[in-house]
PDB file of N, CA and C in Angstrom:
ATOM      1  N   UNK A   1      12.431  43.506  -9.260  1.00  0.00           N
ATOM      2  CA  UNK A   1      13.447  42.515  -9.515  1.00  0.00           C
ATOM      3  C   UNK A   1      14.831  43.137  -9.308  1.00  0.00           C
ATOM      4  N   UNK A   2      15.693  42.437  -8.589  1.00  0.00           N
ATOM      5  CA  UNK A   2      17.035  42.932  -8.331  1.00  0.00           C
ATOM      6  C   UNK A   2      17.970  42.531  -9.459  1.00  0.00           C
ATOM      7  N   UNK A   3      18.909  43.389  -9.744  1.00  0.00           N
ATOM      8  CA  UNK A   3      19.907  43.114 -10.775  1.00  0.00           C
ATOM      9  C   UNK A   3      21.214  42.713 -10.106  1.00  0.00           C
ATOM     10  N   UNK A   4      21.993  41.910 -10.808  1.00  0.00           N
ATOM     11  CA  UNK A   4      23.291  41.520 -10.252  1.00  0.00           C
ATOM     12  C   UNK A   4      24.373  42.535 -10.562  1.00  0.00           C
ATOM     13  N   UNK A   5      24.023  43.580 -11.297  1.00  0.00           N
ATOM     14  CA  UNK A   5      24.992  44.611 -11.592  1.00  0.00           C
ATOM     15  C   UNK A   5      24.315  45.827 -12.189  1.00  0.00           C
ATOM     16  N   UNK A   6      24.940  46.955 -12.012  1.00  0.00           N
ATOM     17  CA  UNK A   6      24.390  48.190 -12.569  1.00  0.00           C
ATOM     18  C   UNK A   6      24.685  48.249 -14.069  1.00  0.00           C
ATOM     19  N   UNK A   7      23.983  49.101 -14.793  1.00  0.00           N
ATOM     20  CA  UNK A   7      24.286  49.255 -16.218  1.00  0.00           C
ATOM     21  C   UNK A   7      25.741  49.672 -16.475  1.00  0.00           C
ATOM     22  N   UNK A   8      26.300  50.451 -15.566  1.00  0.00           N
ATOM     23  CA  UNK A   8      27.703  50.836 -15.701  1.00  0.00           C
ATOM     24  C   UNK A   8      28.621  49.620 -15.612  1.00  0.00           C
ATOM     25  N   UNK A   9      28.341  48.740 -14.668  1.00  0.00           N
ATOM     26  CA  UNK A   9      29.160  47.529 -14.519  1.00  0.00           C
ATOM     27  C   UNK A   9      29.087  46.666 -15.775  1.00  0.00           C
ATOM     28  N   UNK A  10      27.872  46.476 -16.315  1.00  0.00           N
ATOM     29  CA  UNK A  10      27.713  45.669 -17.526  1.00  0.00           C
ATOM     30  C   UNK A  10      28.412  46.335 -18.717  1.00  0.00           C
ATOM     31  N   UNK A  11      28.361  47.648 -18.792  1.00  0.00           N
ATOM     32  CA  UNK A  11      29.037  48.367 -19.881  1.00  0.00           C
ATOM     33  C   UNK A  11      30.543  48.209 -19.788  1.00  0.00           C
ATOM     34  N   UNK A  12      31.075  48.315 -18.578  1.00  0.00           N
ATOM     35  CA  UNK A  12      32.518  48.127 -18.395  1.00  0.00           C
ATOM     36  C   UNK A  12      32.939  46.705 -18.731  1.00  0.00           C
ATOM     37  N   UNK A  13      32.125  45.734 -18.360  1.00  0.00           N
ATOM     38  CA  UNK A  13      32.415  44.343 -18.688  1.00  0.00           C
ATOM     39  C   UNK A  13      32.408  44.130 -20.201  1.00  0.00           C
ATOM     40  N   UNK A  14      31.406  44.670 -20.877  1.00  0.00           N
ATOM     41  CA  UNK A  14      31.328  44.542 -22.335  1.00  0.00           C
ATOM     42  C   UNK A  14      32.524  45.205 -23.009  1.00  0.00           C
ATOM     43  N   UNK A  15      32.938  46.363 -22.505  1.00  0.00           N
ATOM     44  CA  UNK A  15      34.101  47.050 -23.058  1.00  0.00           C
ATOM     45  C   UNK A  15      35.366  46.226 -22.859  1.00  0.00           C
ATOM     46  N   UNK A  16      35.501  45.623 -21.689  1.00  0.00           N
ATOM     47  CA  UNK A  16      36.659  44.766 -21.413  1.00  0.00           C
ATOM     48  C   UNK A  16      36.701  43.589 -22.383  1.00  0.00           C
ATOM     49  N   UNK A  17      35.557  42.954 -22.608  1.00  0.00           N
ATOM     50  CA  UNK A  17      35.497  41.811 -23.527  1.00  0.00           C
ATOM     51  C   UNK A  17      35.874  42.250 -24.939  1.00  0.00           C
ATOM     52  N   UNK A  18      35.364  43.384 -25.386  1.00  0.00           N
ATOM     53  CA  UNK A  18      35.691  43.872 -26.724  1.00  0.00           C
ATOM     54  C   UNK A  18      37.177  44.193 -26.864  1.00  0.00           C
ATOM     55  N   UNK A  19      37.755  44.812 -25.856  1.00  0.00           N
ATOM     56  CA  UNK A  19      39.197  45.110 -25.900  1.00  0.00           C
ATOM     57  C   UNK A  19      40.005  43.817 -25.920  1.00  0.00           C
ATOM     58  N   UNK A  20      39.610  42.840 -25.117  1.00  0.00           N
ATOM     59  CA  UNK A  20      40.309  41.556 -25.106  1.00  0.00           C
ATOM     60  C   UNK A  20      40.233  40.879 -26.467  1.00  0.00           C
ATOM     61  N   UNK A  21      39.076  40.928 -27.114  1.00  0.00           N
ATOM     62  CA  UNK A  21      38.938  40.347 -28.450  1.00  0.00           C
ATOM     63  C   UNK A  21      39.795  41.076 -29.472  1.00  0.00           C
ATOM     64  N   UNK A  22      39.823  42.400 -29.402  1.00  0.00           N
ATOM     65  CA  UNK A  22      40.658  43.168 -30.328  1.00  0.00           C
ATOM     66  C   UNK A  22      42.138  42.831 -30.150  1.00  0.00           C
ATOM     67  N   UNK A  23      42.577  42.729 -28.920  1.00  0.00           N
ATOM     68  CA  UNK A  23      43.969  42.345 -28.662  1.00  0.00           C
ATOM     69  C   UNK A  23      44.243  40.957 -29.230  1.00  0.00           C
ATOM     70  N   UNK A  24      43.317  40.046 -29.012  1.00  0.00           N
ATOM     71  CA  UNK A  24      43.491  38.686 -29.500  1.00  0.00           C
ATOM     72  C   UNK A  24      43.553  38.658 -31.021  1.00  0.00           C
ATOM     73  N   UNK A  25      42.631  39.333 -31.680  1.00  0.00           N
ATOM     74  CA  UNK A  25      42.551  39.270 -33.132  1.00  0.00           C
ATOM     75  C   UNK A  25      43.689  40.000 -33.831  1.00  0.00           C
ATOM     76  N   UNK A  26      44.083  41.160 -33.316  1.00  0.00           N
ATOM     77  CA  UNK A  26      45.060  41.980 -34.028  1.00  0.00           C
ATOM     78  C   UNK A  26      46.484  41.817 -33.521  1.00  0.00           C
ATOM     79  N   UNK A  27      46.708  41.937 -32.234  1.00  0.00           N
ATOM     80  CA  UNK A  27      48.068  41.886 -31.706  1.00  0.00           C
ATOM     81  C   UNK A  27      48.629  40.467 -31.718  1.00  0.00           C
ATOM     82  N   UNK A  28      47.832  39.520 -31.337  1.00  0.00           N
ATOM     83  CA  UNK A  28      48.318  38.152 -31.240  1.00  0.00           C
ATOM     84  C   UNK A  28      48.421  37.462 -32.601  1.00  0.00           C
ATOM     85  N   UNK A  29      47.699  37.955 -33.602  1.00  0.00           N
ATOM     86  CA  UNK A  29      47.744  37.314 -34.916  1.00  0.00           C
ATOM     87  C   UNK A  29      49.119  37.477 -35.573  1.00  0.00           C
ATOM     88  N   UNK A  30      49.869  38.471 -35.179  1.00  0.00           N
ATOM     89  CA  UNK A  30      51.202  38.688 -35.746  1.00  0.00           C
ATOM     90  C   UNK A  30      52.200  37.637 -35.270  1.00  0.00           C
ATOM     91  N   UNK A  31      51.937  37.027 -34.114  1.00  0.00           N
ATOM     92  CA  UNK A  31      52.854  36.024 -33.586  1.00  0.00           C
ATOM     93  C   UNK A  31      52.690  34.685 -34.278  1.00  0.00           C
ATOM     94  N   UNK A  32      51.543  34.417 -34.814  1.00  0.00           N
ATOM     95  CA  UNK A  32      51.291  33.145 -35.470  1.00  0.00           C
ATOM     96  C   UNK A  32      50.834  32.093 -34.478  1.00  0.00           C
ATOM     97  N   UNK A  33      50.109  31.132 -34.992  1.00  0.00           N
ATOM     98  CA  UNK A  33      49.576  30.072 -34.141  1.00  0.00           C
ATOM     99  C   UNK A  33      50.590  28.938 -34.017  1.00  0.00           C
ATOM    100  N   UNK A  34      50.446  28.168 -32.959  1.00  0.00           N
ATOM    101  CA  UNK A  34      51.275  26.977 -32.800  1.00  0.00           C
ATOM    102  C   UNK A  34      50.389  25.821 -32.356  1.00  0.00           C
ATOM    103  N   UNK A  35      50.857  24.634 -32.580  1.00  0.00           N
ATOM    104  CA  UNK A  35      50.098  23.452 -32.190  1.00  0.00           C
ATOM    105  C   UNK A  35      50.211  23.278 -30.679  1.00  0.00           C
ATOM    106  N   UNK A  36      49.079  23.203 -30.007  1.00  0.00           N
ATOM    107  CA  UNK A  36      49.050  23.071 -28.550  1.00  0.00           C
ATOM    108  C   UNK A  36      49.101  21.588 -28.194  1.00  0.00           C
ATOM    109  N   UNK A  37      50.084  21.227 -27.397  1.00  0.00           N
ATOM    110  CA  UNK A  37      50.216  19.837 -26.977  1.00  0.00           C
ATOM    111  C   UNK A  37      49.281  19.555 -25.801  1.00  0.00           C
ATOM    112  N   UNK A  38      49.058  18.277 -25.548  1.00  0.00           N
ATOM    113  CA  UNK A  38      48.221  17.884 -24.407  1.00  0.00           C
ATOM    114  C   UNK A  38      48.849  18.369 -23.108  1.00  0.00           C
ATOM    115  N   UNK A  39      50.167  18.300 -23.023  1.00  0.00           N
ATOM    116  CA  UNK A  39      50.878  18.740 -21.816  1.00  0.00           C
ATOM    117  C   UNK A  39      50.668  20.240 -21.572  1.00  0.00           C
ATOM    118  N   UNK A  40      50.803  21.044 -22.630  1.00  0.00           N
ATOM    119  CA  UNK A  40      50.621  22.482 -22.489  1.00  0.00           C
ATOM    120  C   UNK A  40      49.183  22.815 -22.092  1.00  0.00           C
ATOM    121  N   UNK A  41      48.211  22.144 -22.706  1.00  0.00           N
ATOM    122  CA  UNK A  41      46.809  22.377 -22.371  1.00  0.00           C
ATOM    123  C   UNK A  41      46.530  22.006 -20.915  1.00  0.00           C
ATOM    124  N   UNK A  42      47.117  20.910 -20.443  1.00  0.00           N
ATOM    125  CA  UNK A  42      46.917  20.492 -19.055  1.00  0.00           C
ATOM    126  C   UNK A  42      47.511  21.505 -18.081  1.00  0.00           C
ATOM    127  N   UNK A  43      48.685  22.011 -18.396  1.00  0.00           N
ATOM    128  CA  UNK A  43      49.333  23.010 -17.534  1.00  0.00           C
ATOM    129  C   UNK A  43      48.479  24.277 -17.450  1.00  0.00           C
ATOM    130  N   UNK A  44      48.003  24.759 -18.612  1.00  0.00           N
ATOM    131  CA  UNK A  44      47.156  25.961 -18.606  1.00  0.00           C
ATOM    132  C   UNK A  44      45.867  25.714 -17.838  1.00  0.00           C
ATOM    133  N   UNK A  45      45.293  24.526 -17.980  1.00  0.00           N
ATOM    134  CA  UNK A  45      44.057  24.207 -17.261  1.00  0.00           C
ATOM    135  C   UNK A  45      44.283  24.187 -15.759  1.00  0.00           C
ATOM    136  N   UNK A  46      45.389  23.615 -15.324  1.00  0.00           N
ATOM    137  CA  UNK A  46      45.691  23.567 -13.891  1.00  0.00           C
ATOM    138  C   UNK A  46      45.963  24.955 -13.328  1.00  0.00           C
ATOM    139  N   UNK A  47      46.543  25.824 -14.133  1.00  0.00           N
ATOM    140  CA  UNK A  47      46.804  27.193 -13.681  1.00  0.00           C
ATOM    141  C   UNK A  47      45.527  28.026 -13.643  1.00  0.00           C
ATOM    142  N   UNK A  48      44.602  27.779 -14.557  1.00  0.00           N
ATOM    143  CA  UNK A  48      43.384  28.582 -14.652  1.00  0.00           C
ATOM    144  C   UNK A  48      42.326  28.137 -13.651  1.00  0.00           C
ATOM    145  N   UNK A  49      42.323  26.863 -13.271  1.00  0.00           N
ATOM    146  CA  UNK A  49      41.271  26.331 -12.400  1.00  0.00           C
ATOM    147  C   UNK A  49      41.136  27.093 -11.076  1.00  0.00           C
ATOM    148  N   UNK A  50      42.223  27.421 -10.384  1.00  0.00           N
ATOM    149  CA  UNK A  50      42.060  28.169  -9.120  1.00  0.00           C
ATOM    150  C   UNK A  50      41.409  29.544  -9.310  1.00  0.00           C
ATOM    151  N   UNK A  51      41.690  30.208 -10.417  1.00  0.00           N
ATOM    152  CA  UNK A  51      41.079  31.517 -10.638  1.00  0.00           C
ATOM    153  C   UNK A  51      39.579  31.384 -10.888  1.00  0.00           C
ATOM    154  N   UNK A  52      39.159  30.324 -11.572  1.00  0.00           N
ATOM    155  CA  UNK A  52      37.731  30.103 -11.778  1.00  0.00           C
ATOM    156  C   UNK A  52      37.031  29.818 -10.460  1.00  0.00           C
ATOM    157  N   UNK A  53      37.717  29.108  -9.588  1.00  0.00           N
ATOM    158  CA  UNK A  53      37.121  28.791  -8.286  1.00  0.00           C
ATOM    159  C   UNK A  53      36.934  30.076  -7.465  1.00  0.00           C
ATOM    160  N   UNK A  54      37.869  31.005  -7.552  1.00  0.00           N
ATOM    161  CA  UNK A  54      37.739  32.264  -6.824  1.00  0.00           C
ATOM    162  C   UNK A  54      36.575  33.099  -7.357  1.00  0.00           C
ATOM    163  N   UNK A  55      36.340  33.044  -8.648  1.00  0.00           N
ATOM    164  CA  UNK A  55      35.260  33.811  -9.252  1.00  0.00           C
ATOM    165  C   UNK A  55      33.907  33.270  -8.835  1.00  0.00           C
ATOM    166  N   UNK A  56      33.811  31.948  -8.673  1.00  0.00           N
ATOM    167  CA  UNK A  56      32.511  31.339  -8.418  1.00  0.00           C
ATOM    168  C   UNK A  56      32.029  31.494  -6.975  1.00  0.00           C
ATOM    169  N   UNK A  57      32.860  32.018  -6.107  1.00  0.00           N
ATOM    170  CA  UNK A  57      32.477  32.155  -4.699  1.00  0.00           C
ATOM    171  C   UNK A  57      31.490  33.273  -4.500  1.00  0.00           C
TER     172      UNK A  57
END
């Protein structure tokens, strides 16, 4: 059976996810949360959609 990635690749991906979560939980918590408007959510969605399309190719 073929794998889509080596164990090193999966380890690096897991490390990246953990670092991203740590940044989110600790660094961003000091800024405080704000209420996200429909307009802001739509803008972020439109900006993120092209990057998702590039990943899926």
